[in-house]
Protein backbone atom coordinates (compact mmCIF):
# COMPACT_ATOMS: atom_id res chain seq x y z
CA MET A 1 77.24 82.80 92.57
CA PRO A 2 76.57 82.52 96.59
CA PRO A 3 76.95 85.83 98.58
CA LEU A 4 80.19 86.95 99.33
CA THR A 5 81.14 88.07 103.07
CA ARG A 6 83.56 91.01 102.89
CA ASP A 7 84.14 93.88 105.82
CA THR A 8 81.91 97.26 105.67
CA PRO A 9 83.08 100.50 106.09
CA THR A 10 82.14 100.52 110.02
CA GLN A 11 84.44 97.38 110.13
CA MET A 12 87.42 98.61 108.50
CA ALA A 13 87.67 101.86 110.44
CA SER A 14 86.42 102.98 113.97
CA LEU A 15 83.20 105.01 114.29
CA THR A 16 85.46 108.07 115.34
CA GLU A 17 87.46 107.87 112.19
CA ILE A 18 83.94 107.75 110.30
CA ALA A 19 82.53 110.26 112.16
CA ALA A 20 85.32 112.82 111.02
CA GLN A 21 85.19 111.49 107.24
CA PRO A 22 83.52 114.09 104.65
CA THR A 23 80.12 112.37 103.72
CA ALA A 24 79.76 112.11 100.04
CA VAL A 25 77.09 110.74 97.49
CA VAL A 26 78.58 109.11 94.57
CA TYR A 27 77.32 109.94 91.14
CA CYS A 28 77.35 106.87 88.63
CA GLU A 29 74.28 107.35 86.41
CA GLY A 30 73.71 104.51 83.86
CA ASN A 31 76.80 102.75 84.76
CA PHE A 32 76.79 101.39 88.59
CA ALA A 33 78.21 97.81 88.92
CA ARG A 34 79.70 98.17 85.24
CA ILE A 35 83.07 98.79 83.60
CA ASP A 36 82.79 102.63 82.99
CA GLY A 37 81.85 102.96 86.62
CA LYS A 38 84.86 101.35 88.30
CA THR A 39 85.40 104.52 90.36
CA ALA A 40 82.38 104.51 92.03
CA ASN A 41 82.38 100.75 92.42
CA GLY A 42 85.69 101.03 94.34
CA LEU A 43 84.30 103.89 96.47
CA VAL A 44 81.87 101.46 97.44
CA ARG A 45 84.37 98.39 98.20
CA HIS A 46 86.82 100.86 100.20
CA SER A 47 86.80 104.86 101.01
CA GLU A 48 89.37 106.21 103.71
CA ALA A 49 88.72 109.81 102.49
CA TYR A 50 85.17 110.00 102.60
CA ARG A 51 82.08 108.43 103.87
CA ILE A 52 79.93 107.20 100.92
CA VAL A 53 76.26 107.89 101.98
CA SER A 54 74.38 106.94 98.90
CA VAL A 55 75.32 106.28 94.81
CA ILE A 56 73.09 107.78 92.46
CA ASP A 57 72.42 105.29 89.30
CA SER A 58 68.53 105.45 88.12
CA THR A 59 68.94 102.28 86.38
CA HIS A 60 69.29 100.34 90.32
CA SER A 61 67.23 103.04 92.03
CA GLY A 62 65.79 101.55 95.46
CA GLU A 63 68.66 98.41 95.37
CA ASN A 64 71.31 97.96 97.67
CA SER A 65 74.95 99.14 96.54
CA GLY A 66 76.54 96.16 98.21
CA LEU A 67 74.19 93.84 97.08
CA VAL A 68 74.51 94.96 93.98
CA LEU A 69 78.12 95.13 93.37
CA ASP A 70 79.27 91.76 95.35
CA ASP A 71 75.95 90.15 96.52
CA ALA A 72 77.27 91.45 99.83
CA ILE A 73 74.76 94.02 101.42
CA ASN A 74 76.19 97.20 103.43
CA SER A 75 75.25 100.29 104.44
CA THR A 76 75.21 102.60 101.02
CA PRO A 77 71.78 103.05 99.04
CA ILE A 78 71.15 103.98 95.56
CA PHE A 79 68.91 106.63 94.80
CA GLU A 80 67.82 107.82 91.11
CA SER A 81 68.51 111.68 91.56
CA LEU A 82 70.45 113.75 93.77
CA ASP A 83 66.93 115.27 94.90
CA ALA A 84 65.99 111.93 96.47
CA ALA A 85 69.77 111.11 97.71
CA VAL A 86 70.07 114.26 99.73
CA ALA A 87 66.18 114.19 100.95
CA GLN A 88 67.49 111.12 103.14
CA GLU A 89 69.94 112.91 104.94
CA ALA A 90 69.55 114.78 107.77
CA SER A 91 72.35 117.25 106.94
CA MET A 92 73.27 117.85 103.21
CA PRO A 93 76.26 115.57 102.06
CA ASP A 94 79.96 117.93 102.09
CA THR A 95 80.72 116.59 98.72
CA PHE A 96 79.49 115.19 95.58
CA ILE A 97 81.89 112.68 93.56
CA TYR A 98 81.73 111.90 89.94
CA GLY A 99 82.13 108.14 90.02
CA MET A 100 82.37 107.20 86.39
CA ALA A 101 85.45 106.87 84.16
CA PRO A 102 83.84 107.43 80.60
CA SER A 103 86.60 106.43 77.48
CA THR A 104 86.02 109.98 76.71
CA GLY A 105 87.11 111.43 79.81
CA ARG A 106 84.78 114.18 79.16
CA LEU A 107 81.61 115.42 80.70
CA SER A 108 78.31 115.24 79.33
CA MET A 109 75.41 117.80 79.29
CA ALA A 110 73.57 115.86 81.31
CA ASP A 111 76.35 115.31 83.84
CA ARG A 112 77.13 118.77 83.62
CA GLY A 113 73.80 119.72 84.81
CA VAL A 114 73.85 117.31 87.74
CA ILE A 115 77.30 119.07 88.66
CA LEU A 116 75.78 122.30 88.86
CA ASP A 117 72.80 121.34 90.86
CA ALA A 118 75.01 119.76 93.71
CA ILE A 119 77.31 123.25 93.49
CA ALA A 120 74.13 125.02 94.14
CA ARG A 121 73.10 122.80 97.12
CA GLY A 122 76.76 124.10 98.55
CA MET A 123 78.44 120.22 97.96
CA ASN A 124 82.07 120.12 96.96
CA ILE A 125 83.30 118.65 93.68
CA VAL A 126 85.58 115.64 93.35
CA SER A 127 86.20 114.77 89.60
CA GLY A 128 88.22 112.21 88.16
CA LEU A 129 87.82 113.40 84.43
CA HIS A 130 90.77 114.41 82.06
CA GLU A 131 88.62 117.74 81.68
CA TYR A 132 89.21 120.00 84.99
CA LEU A 133 86.27 121.24 86.15
CA SER A 134 88.16 123.77 88.13
CA GLU A 135 89.03 125.13 84.83
CA ASP A 136 85.69 124.89 83.22
CA VAL A 137 84.38 128.51 83.45
CA GLU A 138 80.44 127.94 84.16
CA ILE A 139 81.74 125.46 86.96
CA ALA A 140 84.09 127.27 88.46
CA GLN A 141 82.07 130.42 88.43
CA ALA A 142 78.90 128.72 90.50
CA ALA A 143 81.80 126.95 92.83
CA SER A 144 83.32 130.43 93.75
CA GLU A 145 80.12 131.91 94.23
CA ARG A 146 78.86 129.29 96.43
CA GLN A 147 82.33 129.09 98.15
CA VAL A 148 82.80 125.56 97.38
CA SER A 149 86.03 123.36 96.31
CA ILE A 150 86.32 121.53 93.08
CA ARG A 151 88.90 118.35 93.39
CA ASP A 152 90.33 117.62 89.82
CA ILE A 153 92.14 114.51 90.99
CA ARG A 154 93.85 114.10 87.70
CA LYS A 155 95.06 117.61 87.58
CA PRO A 156 98.91 117.15 87.74
CA LYS A 157 101.21 119.69 89.23
CA ARG A 158 102.92 122.11 87.32
CA SER A 159 105.91 120.60 85.02
CA LYS A 160 108.79 122.54 86.95
CA ASP A 161 108.09 120.64 89.81
CA MET A 162 107.91 117.58 88.54
CA ARG A 163 110.34 114.59 89.25
CA LEU A 164 112.71 112.81 86.56
CA PHE A 165 113.54 109.53 87.27
CA ASP A 166 117.07 108.81 88.83
CA GLY A 167 117.20 105.67 89.81
CA SER A 168 116.92 106.03 93.82
CA VAL A 169 114.07 103.25 93.76
CA ALA A 170 117.07 100.89 93.83
CA ASP A 171 117.73 101.85 97.23
CA VAL A 172 114.25 100.70 98.73
CA HIS A 173 114.49 98.04 101.31
CA ALA A 174 110.65 97.06 101.15
CA LEU A 175 109.49 94.73 98.75
CA ARG A 176 107.74 96.08 95.81
CA ILE A 177 105.14 94.51 94.09
CA ALA A 178 103.06 95.43 91.10
CA VAL A 179 99.55 94.35 90.39
CA LEU A 180 99.40 94.35 86.72
CA GLY A 181 96.54 93.12 84.56
CA THR A 182 95.39 91.84 80.94
CA ASP A 183 93.17 94.76 80.59
CA CYS A 184 92.25 97.87 82.21
CA ALA A 185 89.44 98.29 84.42
CA ILE A 186 90.12 94.63 85.61
CA GLY A 187 90.29 94.93 89.35
CA LYS A 188 93.79 95.47 90.04
CA ARG A 189 92.97 98.35 92.28
CA THR A 190 90.65 96.12 94.32
CA THR A 191 93.08 92.96 94.40
CA ALA A 192 95.52 95.52 95.53
CA THR A 193 93.38 96.78 97.98
CA VAL A 194 92.56 93.39 99.78
CA LEU A 195 96.37 92.08 99.55
CA ALA A 196 97.62 95.34 101.39
CA ARG A 197 94.63 94.81 104.16
CA ALA A 198 95.36 91.27 104.50
CA LEU A 199 99.31 91.80 104.69
CA ASN A 200 98.95 94.44 107.17
CA ALA A 201 96.31 92.00 109.31
CA LYS A 202 98.85 89.79 109.37
CA GLY A 203 101.48 92.37 110.98
CA ILE A 204 103.43 92.60 107.87
CA LYS A 205 103.33 96.69 107.18
CA THR A 206 102.14 97.40 103.87
CA VAL A 207 101.50 100.52 101.69
CA LEU A 208 99.94 100.39 98.59
CA VAL A 209 100.74 103.04 96.21
CA GLY A 210 97.99 104.59 93.75
CA THR A 211 98.29 105.13 90.34
CA GLY A 212 94.64 106.44 89.29
CA GLN A 213 91.75 108.31 90.04
CA THR A 214 90.11 105.84 92.34
CA GLY A 215 92.84 104.83 94.51
CA LEU A 216 93.46 108.70 95.18
CA MET A 217 89.78 109.68 96.21
CA GLN A 218 89.78 106.54 98.11
CA GLY A 219 92.48 108.10 100.60
CA ALA A 220 95.78 106.64 98.95
CA LYS A 221 98.32 108.52 101.21
CA TYR A 222 100.99 108.03 98.49
CA GLY A 223 100.12 107.95 94.81
CA VAL A 224 100.12 109.82 91.42
CA ALA A 225 97.71 109.77 88.74
CA MET A 226 99.90 108.40 86.18
CA ASP A 227 97.83 109.02 82.95
CA ALA A 228 97.81 112.60 83.84
CA VAL A 229 101.63 113.01 83.88
CA PRO A 230 103.52 113.82 80.61
CA PRO A 231 105.69 110.94 79.54
CA GLN A 232 108.64 112.32 80.23
CA PHE A 233 108.12 112.36 83.96
CA CYS A 234 105.96 109.51 84.29
CA CYS A 235 108.68 107.04 85.83
CA GLY A 236 110.51 109.73 88.06
CA GLU A 237 107.04 111.12 89.57
CA LEU A 238 106.42 107.39 90.67
CA GLU A 239 109.86 106.72 91.86
CA GLY A 240 109.35 109.49 93.87
CA VAL A 241 105.90 108.88 95.81
CA ILE A 242 107.52 104.89 95.95
CA VAL A 243 110.93 106.54 97.81
CA ALA A 244 108.78 108.93 99.75
CA ALA A 245 106.62 106.06 101.19
CA SER A 246 109.74 103.98 101.78
CA GLU A 247 111.39 106.66 103.76
CA ALA A 248 108.03 107.67 105.57
CA GLU A 249 106.67 104.66 106.76
CA GLN A 250 109.36 102.00 106.75
CA PRO A 251 107.60 99.32 105.36
CA ASP A 252 107.86 95.57 104.58
CA VAL A 253 105.98 96.00 101.47
CA ILE A 254 105.03 98.61 98.97
CA LEU A 255 102.05 97.71 96.72
CA ILE A 256 101.54 99.57 93.20
CA GLU A 257 98.41 99.48 91.31
CA GLY A 258 98.43 98.78 87.83
CA GLN A 259 97.22 100.50 84.57
CA GLY A 260 95.89 99.43 81.55
CA ALA A 261 98.21 96.58 80.52
CA LEU A 262 101.26 96.28 79.17
CA SER A 263 100.34 94.48 75.95
CA HIS A 264 97.33 97.14 75.45
CA PRO A 265 98.23 99.99 72.50
CA ALA A 266 96.02 101.88 73.48
CA PHE A 267 97.97 102.39 77.12
CA CYS A 268 101.45 103.13 78.14
CA THR A 269 101.36 103.22 81.79
CA SER A 270 102.09 99.72 82.53
CA ALA A 271 105.37 100.42 80.80
CA PHE A 272 106.24 103.34 83.06
CA ILE A 273 105.25 101.49 86.30
CA LEU A 274 107.20 98.82 85.54
CA ARG A 275 109.93 101.27 84.84
CA GLY A 276 109.62 103.54 87.74
CA SER A 277 108.76 101.07 90.31
CA GLN A 278 111.44 98.64 89.52
CA PRO A 279 109.25 95.64 91.34
CA ASP A 280 110.59 92.75 92.39
CA ALA A 281 107.47 90.85 91.81
CA VAL A 282 104.31 91.03 90.02
CA ILE A 283 100.33 89.79 90.59
CA LEU A 284 98.55 89.32 87.32
CA GLN A 285 94.69 90.07 87.43
CA HIS A 286 92.63 88.57 84.33
CA ALA A 287 89.00 88.20 83.67
CA PRO A 288 88.72 84.85 81.91
CA LYS A 289 84.93 85.33 80.30
CA ARG A 290 86.26 88.88 79.22
CA ALA A 291 86.42 88.29 75.33
CA HIS A 292 88.01 91.22 74.23
CA ARG A 293 90.02 94.89 75.48
CA CYS A 294 87.22 97.20 77.22
CA ASP A 295 86.09 99.78 74.40
CA PHE A 296 88.12 97.71 71.78
CA PRO A 297 85.68 95.00 70.55
CA ASN A 298 87.91 93.98 67.90
CA MET A 299 90.74 93.61 70.10
CA PRO A 300 90.96 89.83 71.71
CA MET A 301 92.13 89.73 75.18
CA PRO A 302 95.69 87.88 76.04
CA THR A 303 96.13 84.85 77.65
CA PRO A 304 97.46 84.96 81.01
CA ALA A 305 100.87 83.06 79.46
CA SER A 306 101.21 85.57 77.05
CA GLU A 307 100.91 88.29 79.30
CA ILE A 308 103.28 86.76 81.70
CA ALA A 309 105.90 86.28 79.14
CA LEU A 310 106.14 89.73 78.15
CA ILE A 311 106.05 91.26 81.53
CA GLU A 312 109.15 89.11 82.23
CA ALA A 313 110.37 90.00 79.57
CA PHE A 314 110.33 93.79 79.54
CA SER A 315 111.32 94.03 83.10
CA ASP A 316 113.77 92.16 85.43
CA THR A 317 110.74 90.43 87.48
CA LYS A 318 108.63 87.97 88.09
CA VAL A 319 105.11 86.86 88.04
CA ILE A 320 104.41 84.98 91.40
CA GLY A 321 100.49 84.53 91.03
CA MET A 322 97.29 85.50 89.12
CA THR A 323 94.51 86.97 90.44
CA LEU A 324 90.37 86.24 88.63
CA ASN A 325 87.92 89.07 87.82
CA HIS A 326 84.70 86.89 88.15
CA GLU A 327 82.59 88.71 86.03
CA GLY A 328 80.18 86.46 84.09
CA MET A 329 81.23 83.29 86.23
CA SER A 330 79.62 81.04 88.58
CA ASP A 331 80.81 80.45 91.80
CA ALA A 332 81.69 76.58 90.10
CA GLU A 333 83.54 78.12 87.07
CA ILE A 334 85.44 80.32 89.17
CA LYS A 335 86.70 76.78 91.22
CA SER A 336 87.29 74.93 88.01
CA THR A 337 89.15 78.23 86.29
CA ILE A 338 91.58 78.65 89.44
CA ALA A 339 92.24 75.04 89.57
CA ALA A 340 92.90 74.60 85.54
CA GLN A 341 95.16 77.84 85.15
CA SER A 342 96.97 77.01 88.72
CA GLU A 343 98.22 74.02 86.60
CA LYS A 344 98.80 75.57 83.44
CA LEU A 345 100.99 78.26 84.50
CA GLY A 346 102.32 77.01 87.16
CA LEU A 347 101.37 79.49 89.58
CA PRO A 348 98.79 80.25 92.76
CA VAL A 349 95.65 81.32 91.38
CA THR A 350 92.97 83.23 93.34
CA ASP A 351 89.91 85.48 93.13
CA ALA A 352 90.32 88.52 95.67
CA LEU A 353 86.91 89.03 96.13
CA SER A 354 84.93 85.85 96.64
CA ARG A 355 87.56 83.73 97.83
CA PRO A 356 89.47 84.16 101.43
CA ALA A 357 92.10 87.19 101.83
CA ALA A 358 94.09 84.38 103.32
CA HIS A 359 94.43 82.68 99.93
CA LEU A 360 96.22 86.04 98.64
CA LEU A 361 98.12 86.66 101.15
CA ALA A 362 99.46 83.10 101.09
CA MET A 363 100.75 83.90 97.58
CA VAL A 364 103.04 86.73 98.41
CA VAL A 365 104.25 84.40 102.08
CA GLY A 366 104.82 81.60 99.90
CA ALA A 367 106.83 83.44 97.55
CA TYR A 368 108.52 85.48 100.05
CA PRO A 369 108.52 83.33 103.23
CA GLY A 370 111.05 85.87 104.72
CA LEU A 371 108.53 88.30 104.96
CA GLU A 372 107.05 86.50 108.24
CA GLN A 373 110.35 86.84 109.97
CA GLY A 374 111.17 90.58 108.80
CA ILE A 375 113.33 89.47 105.68
CA PRO A 376 111.32 90.71 102.53
CA LYS A 377 113.58 90.20 99.99
CA VAL A 378 114.49 86.30 100.34
CA ALA A 379 112.18 84.58 97.43
CA VAL A 380 111.75 81.15 97.44
């Protein structure tokens, strides 16, 4: 596949904004550009909250993270260790981000040592694990002694402060589009980020609501880590951030990042997202070359048609298009798959990373032409 063209962090934000961001090293040992490294992958592609100065993964030491990830050079190198990463900086980076999302959600002993090393150097810690580092006695004590912070992205607020669903999402005037998928770690957040940028560039005011740890680390202004919220409150918590985004921003479009897959028996977050956001439309993300679900070798991937039928039967919504995750695909395969799936599904199909963002924008504007005239919910 030929090198991709995409925005670098410098192109996406002004120099003043970049200088104001805390600097961060992203730890992704043995997993960068792989499924379990999706947090690091996402941060390298897009980050508003942190300026990513380097990635740690000894298996790609000395390489450029953009080339490894997307065949597009960027300014973020990969180093073999924390020692090597900080040695390249004029001053100690502000933050150490644990950039992996292992299926266990737990910290290995080797990773624990690296985190303690980062704390000893005076770096703040950001983690998206289900295991809360701020509650780990050894790590919390070390952080207290060095007076650094620990940010557990997935640590929810107390249940007494959580919100039940009350139906107020129906009063949101913005067009609501959920980006769902046929599996976890398949590119839903990336597609939603690219689409949000394209819509805003077109003058269609758009807010992206994050629903997972990576989106929140990237700096999503509105969001909730859905898989850390008790089921009783999932729909209400998501509804609450959508209503808050609508009231504060008055957007034309609200994009909702998907999680897991509605058909996946190991995850229920897609069901809560559909119920809590009550989307007007859905864009489906699919990896044609993925033979089985992540971490489930005996569980074949569903077909796009079956997932679309399930989504539309489960929720009062309509799938308006499909996007591809091109893992393992050549450019020729992407081209032929786009054509074949578009004909088979009767829907527009594109790839958010390997094809122009204008194609993704056209998918939405084609379904809702009133967006360009400021009439969000007039669908064709």
